[in-house]
Amino acid sequence: MNILEAPENKEAVIVEIKKSDNPFLRKIEAMGLKRGEKIKVLSKVGRNIVVQVEGRKLAIDKELAKEIEIE
């Protein structure tokens, strides 16, 4: 499943980031969203998904969230 499909307050581990040639996805990886990292989906607000990673909150566009697979 991808981050967009995950329910709120769900903890998961990133297993794959698709289309890693996308500059926005590379920037998100640099911010801590990378394979093997634990995340928690906090909320879905408008066009964004708010996740927690390493104690920080990040807002991700829904289109980018579709490219990040979790389990």
N, C-alpha and C. Protein backbone atom coordinates (compact mmCIF):
# COMPACT_ATOMS: atom_id res chain seq x y z
N MET A 1 0.85 -1.17 0.00
CA MET A 1 0.00 0.00 0.00
C MET A 1 0.89 1.23 0.00
N ASN A 2 0.36 2.35 -0.47
CA ASN A 2 1.14 3.58 -0.44
C ASN A 2 0.66 4.48 0.70
N ILE A 3 1.37 5.56 0.95
CA ILE A 3 1.04 6.44 2.07
C ILE A 3 -0.37 7.00 1.93
N LEU A 4 -0.79 7.31 0.72
CA LEU A 4 -2.12 7.86 0.51
C LEU A 4 -3.21 6.88 0.95
N GLU A 5 -2.99 5.60 0.80
CA GLU A 5 -3.98 4.59 1.15
C GLU A 5 -4.00 4.25 2.64
N ALA A 6 -2.97 4.65 3.37
CA ALA A 6 -2.86 4.31 4.79
C ALA A 6 -3.86 5.10 5.63
N PRO A 7 -4.44 4.45 6.64
CA PRO A 7 -5.34 5.18 7.53
C PRO A 7 -4.56 6.13 8.44
N GLU A 8 -5.24 7.14 8.97
CA GLU A 8 -4.59 8.07 9.90
C GLU A 8 -4.18 7.32 11.16
N ASN A 9 -3.13 7.81 11.79
CA ASN A 9 -2.54 7.23 13.01
C ASN A 9 -1.96 5.85 12.78
N LYS A 10 -1.67 5.51 11.54
CA LYS A 10 -1.06 4.23 11.19
C LYS A 10 0.45 4.38 11.16
N GLU A 11 1.14 3.50 11.88
CA GLU A 11 2.60 3.47 11.80
C GLU A 11 2.99 2.45 10.75
N ALA A 12 4.03 2.75 10.00
CA ALA A 12 4.45 1.87 8.92
C ALA A 12 5.93 2.08 8.64
N VAL A 13 6.46 1.21 7.77
CA VAL A 13 7.85 1.31 7.33
C VAL A 13 7.85 1.51 5.82
N ILE A 14 8.66 2.43 5.36
CA ILE A 14 8.78 2.69 3.93
C ILE A 14 9.54 1.53 3.29
N VAL A 15 8.95 0.93 2.26
CA VAL A 15 9.61 -0.19 1.58
C VAL A 15 10.12 0.18 0.20
N GLU A 16 9.55 1.23 -0.41
CA GLU A 16 10.00 1.62 -1.74
C GLU A 16 9.55 3.04 -2.05
N ILE A 17 10.41 3.76 -2.75
CA ILE A 17 10.04 5.07 -3.28
C ILE A 17 10.15 4.97 -4.78
N LYS A 18 9.01 5.05 -5.47
CA LYS A 18 8.97 4.93 -6.92
C LYS A 18 9.37 6.26 -7.56
N LYS A 19 9.68 6.20 -8.84
CA LYS A 19 10.02 7.41 -9.61
C LYS A 19 11.02 8.28 -8.87
N SER A 20 12.10 7.70 -8.42
CA SER A 20 13.08 8.46 -7.65
C SER A 20 13.80 9.52 -8.48
N ASP A 21 13.52 9.57 -9.80
CA ASP A 21 14.08 10.63 -10.62
C ASP A 21 13.32 11.94 -10.46
N ASN A 22 12.17 11.89 -9.77
CA ASN A 22 11.38 13.09 -9.50
C ASN A 22 12.15 13.96 -8.50
N PRO A 23 12.42 15.23 -8.83
CA PRO A 23 13.21 16.08 -7.92
C PRO A 23 12.55 16.28 -6.56
N PHE A 24 11.22 16.28 -6.52
CA PHE A 24 10.54 16.44 -5.24
C PHE A 24 10.72 15.21 -4.36
N LEU A 25 10.69 14.03 -4.97
CA LEU A 25 10.91 12.81 -4.19
C LEU A 25 12.34 12.74 -3.67
N ARG A 26 13.30 13.20 -4.45
CA ARG A 26 14.69 13.24 -3.97
C ARG A 26 14.82 14.19 -2.78
N LYS A 27 14.12 15.32 -2.84
CA LYS A 27 14.16 16.28 -1.73
C LYS A 27 13.54 15.66 -0.48
N ILE A 28 12.42 14.93 -0.65
CA ILE A 28 11.77 14.28 0.47
C ILE A 28 12.68 13.22 1.08
N GLU A 29 13.40 12.49 0.25
CA GLU A 29 14.37 11.51 0.76
C GLU A 29 15.43 12.21 1.61
N ALA A 30 15.88 13.36 1.17
CA ALA A 30 16.89 14.10 1.91
C ALA A 30 16.34 14.59 3.26
N MET A 31 15.03 14.73 3.36
CA MET A 31 14.40 15.18 4.60
C MET A 31 14.13 14.02 5.56
N GLY A 32 14.46 12.80 5.17
CA GLY A 32 14.33 11.67 6.07
C GLY A 32 13.39 10.57 5.64
N LEU A 33 12.61 10.80 4.58
CA LEU A 33 11.71 9.75 4.09
C LEU A 33 12.49 8.87 3.14
N LYS A 34 12.98 7.75 3.66
CA LYS A 34 13.77 6.84 2.82
C LYS A 34 13.42 5.40 3.19
N ARG A 35 13.82 4.48 2.35
CA ARG A 35 13.50 3.08 2.57
C ARG A 35 14.00 2.61 3.93
N GLY A 36 13.12 1.87 4.65
CA GLY A 36 13.47 1.36 5.96
C GLY A 36 13.10 2.28 7.11
N GLU A 37 12.74 3.51 6.79
CA GLU A 37 12.40 4.49 7.82
C GLU A 37 10.99 4.27 8.34
N LYS A 38 10.81 4.39 9.65
CA LYS A 38 9.47 4.28 10.25
C LYS A 38 8.78 5.63 10.15
N ILE A 39 7.51 5.59 9.76
CA ILE A 39 6.72 6.82 9.67
C ILE A 39 5.37 6.57 10.33
N LYS A 40 4.67 7.67 10.59
CA LYS A 40 3.30 7.59 11.10
C LYS A 40 2.47 8.60 10.32
N VAL A 41 1.37 8.14 9.76
CA VAL A 41 0.45 9.03 9.04
C VAL A 41 -0.39 9.73 10.09
N LEU A 42 -0.24 11.05 10.21
CA LEU A 42 -0.95 11.81 11.24
C LEU A 42 -2.31 12.30 10.76
N SER A 43 -2.35 12.86 9.55
CA SER A 43 -3.63 13.37 9.06
C SER A 43 -3.58 13.56 7.55
N LYS A 44 -4.78 13.68 7.00
CA LYS A 44 -4.94 13.97 5.57
C LYS A 44 -5.76 15.25 5.49
N VAL A 45 -5.09 16.31 5.05
CA VAL A 45 -5.70 17.64 5.02
C VAL A 45 -5.62 18.20 3.61
N GLY A 46 -6.76 18.40 2.98
CA GLY A 46 -6.77 18.96 1.62
C GLY A 46 -5.94 18.12 0.68
N ARG A 47 -4.97 18.75 0.04
CA ARG A 47 -4.11 18.05 -0.92
C ARG A 47 -2.88 17.43 -0.27
N ASN A 48 -2.78 17.50 1.05
CA ASN A 48 -1.56 17.04 1.73
C ASN A 48 -1.83 15.90 2.70
N ILE A 49 -0.79 15.11 2.90
CA ILE A 49 -0.75 14.07 3.92
C ILE A 49 0.33 14.51 4.90
N VAL A 50 -0.01 14.57 6.19
CA VAL A 50 0.97 14.95 7.20
C VAL A 50 1.48 13.67 7.85
N VAL A 51 2.80 13.48 7.80
CA VAL A 51 3.42 12.30 8.39
C VAL A 51 4.45 12.73 9.42
N GLN A 52 4.74 11.81 10.33
CA GLN A 52 5.78 12.05 11.32
C GLN A 52 6.92 11.08 11.02
N VAL A 53 8.11 11.61 10.96
CA VAL A 53 9.31 10.80 10.74
C VAL A 53 10.42 11.38 11.61
N GLU A 54 11.07 10.52 12.36
CA GLU A 54 12.16 10.94 13.24
C GLU A 54 11.75 12.10 14.14
N GLY A 55 10.50 12.08 14.62
CA GLY A 55 10.03 13.13 15.52
C GLY A 55 9.65 14.44 14.84
N ARG A 56 9.76 14.50 13.52
CA ARG A 56 9.41 15.72 12.77
C ARG A 56 8.15 15.48 11.97
N LYS A 57 7.39 16.53 11.75
CA LYS A 57 6.19 16.44 10.92
C LYS A 57 6.51 17.00 9.53
N LEU A 58 6.06 16.25 8.52
CA LEU A 58 6.25 16.67 7.13
C LEU A 58 4.91 16.60 6.42
N ALA A 59 4.65 17.57 5.56
CA ALA A 59 3.45 17.53 4.72
C ALA A 59 3.88 17.12 3.32
N ILE A 60 3.19 16.11 2.79
CA ILE A 60 3.51 15.57 1.47
C ILE A 60 2.29 15.71 0.58
N ASP A 61 2.48 16.17 -0.63
CA ASP A 61 1.41 16.25 -1.61
C ASP A 61 0.87 14.84 -1.89
N LYS A 62 -0.43 14.72 -2.10
CA LYS A 62 -1.04 13.41 -2.33
C LYS A 62 -0.46 12.69 -3.54
N GLU A 63 -0.09 13.42 -4.58
CA GLU A 63 0.50 12.79 -5.76
C GLU A 63 1.85 12.16 -5.42
N LEU A 64 2.64 12.82 -4.58
CA LEU A 64 3.92 12.25 -4.16
C LEU A 64 3.70 11.08 -3.21
N ALA A 65 2.67 11.19 -2.35
CA ALA A 65 2.38 10.12 -1.40
C ALA A 65 2.05 8.81 -2.11
N LYS A 66 1.48 8.90 -3.30
CA LYS A 66 1.16 7.69 -4.08
C LYS A 66 2.43 6.94 -4.49
N GLU A 67 3.55 7.62 -4.55
CA GLU A 67 4.81 7.04 -5.01
C GLU A 67 5.62 6.42 -3.89
N ILE A 68 5.15 6.51 -2.64
CA ILE A 68 5.90 5.99 -1.51
C ILE A 68 5.15 4.78 -0.95
N GLU A 69 5.71 3.59 -1.15
CA GLU A 69 5.10 2.34 -0.70
C GLU A 69 5.49 2.03 0.74
N ILE A 70 4.51 1.59 1.53
CA ILE A 70 4.76 1.27 2.93
C ILE A 70 4.20 -0.12 3.25
N GLU A 71 4.59 -0.64 4.40
CA GLU A 71 3.99 -1.90 4.90
C GLU A 71 3.91 -1.84 6.40
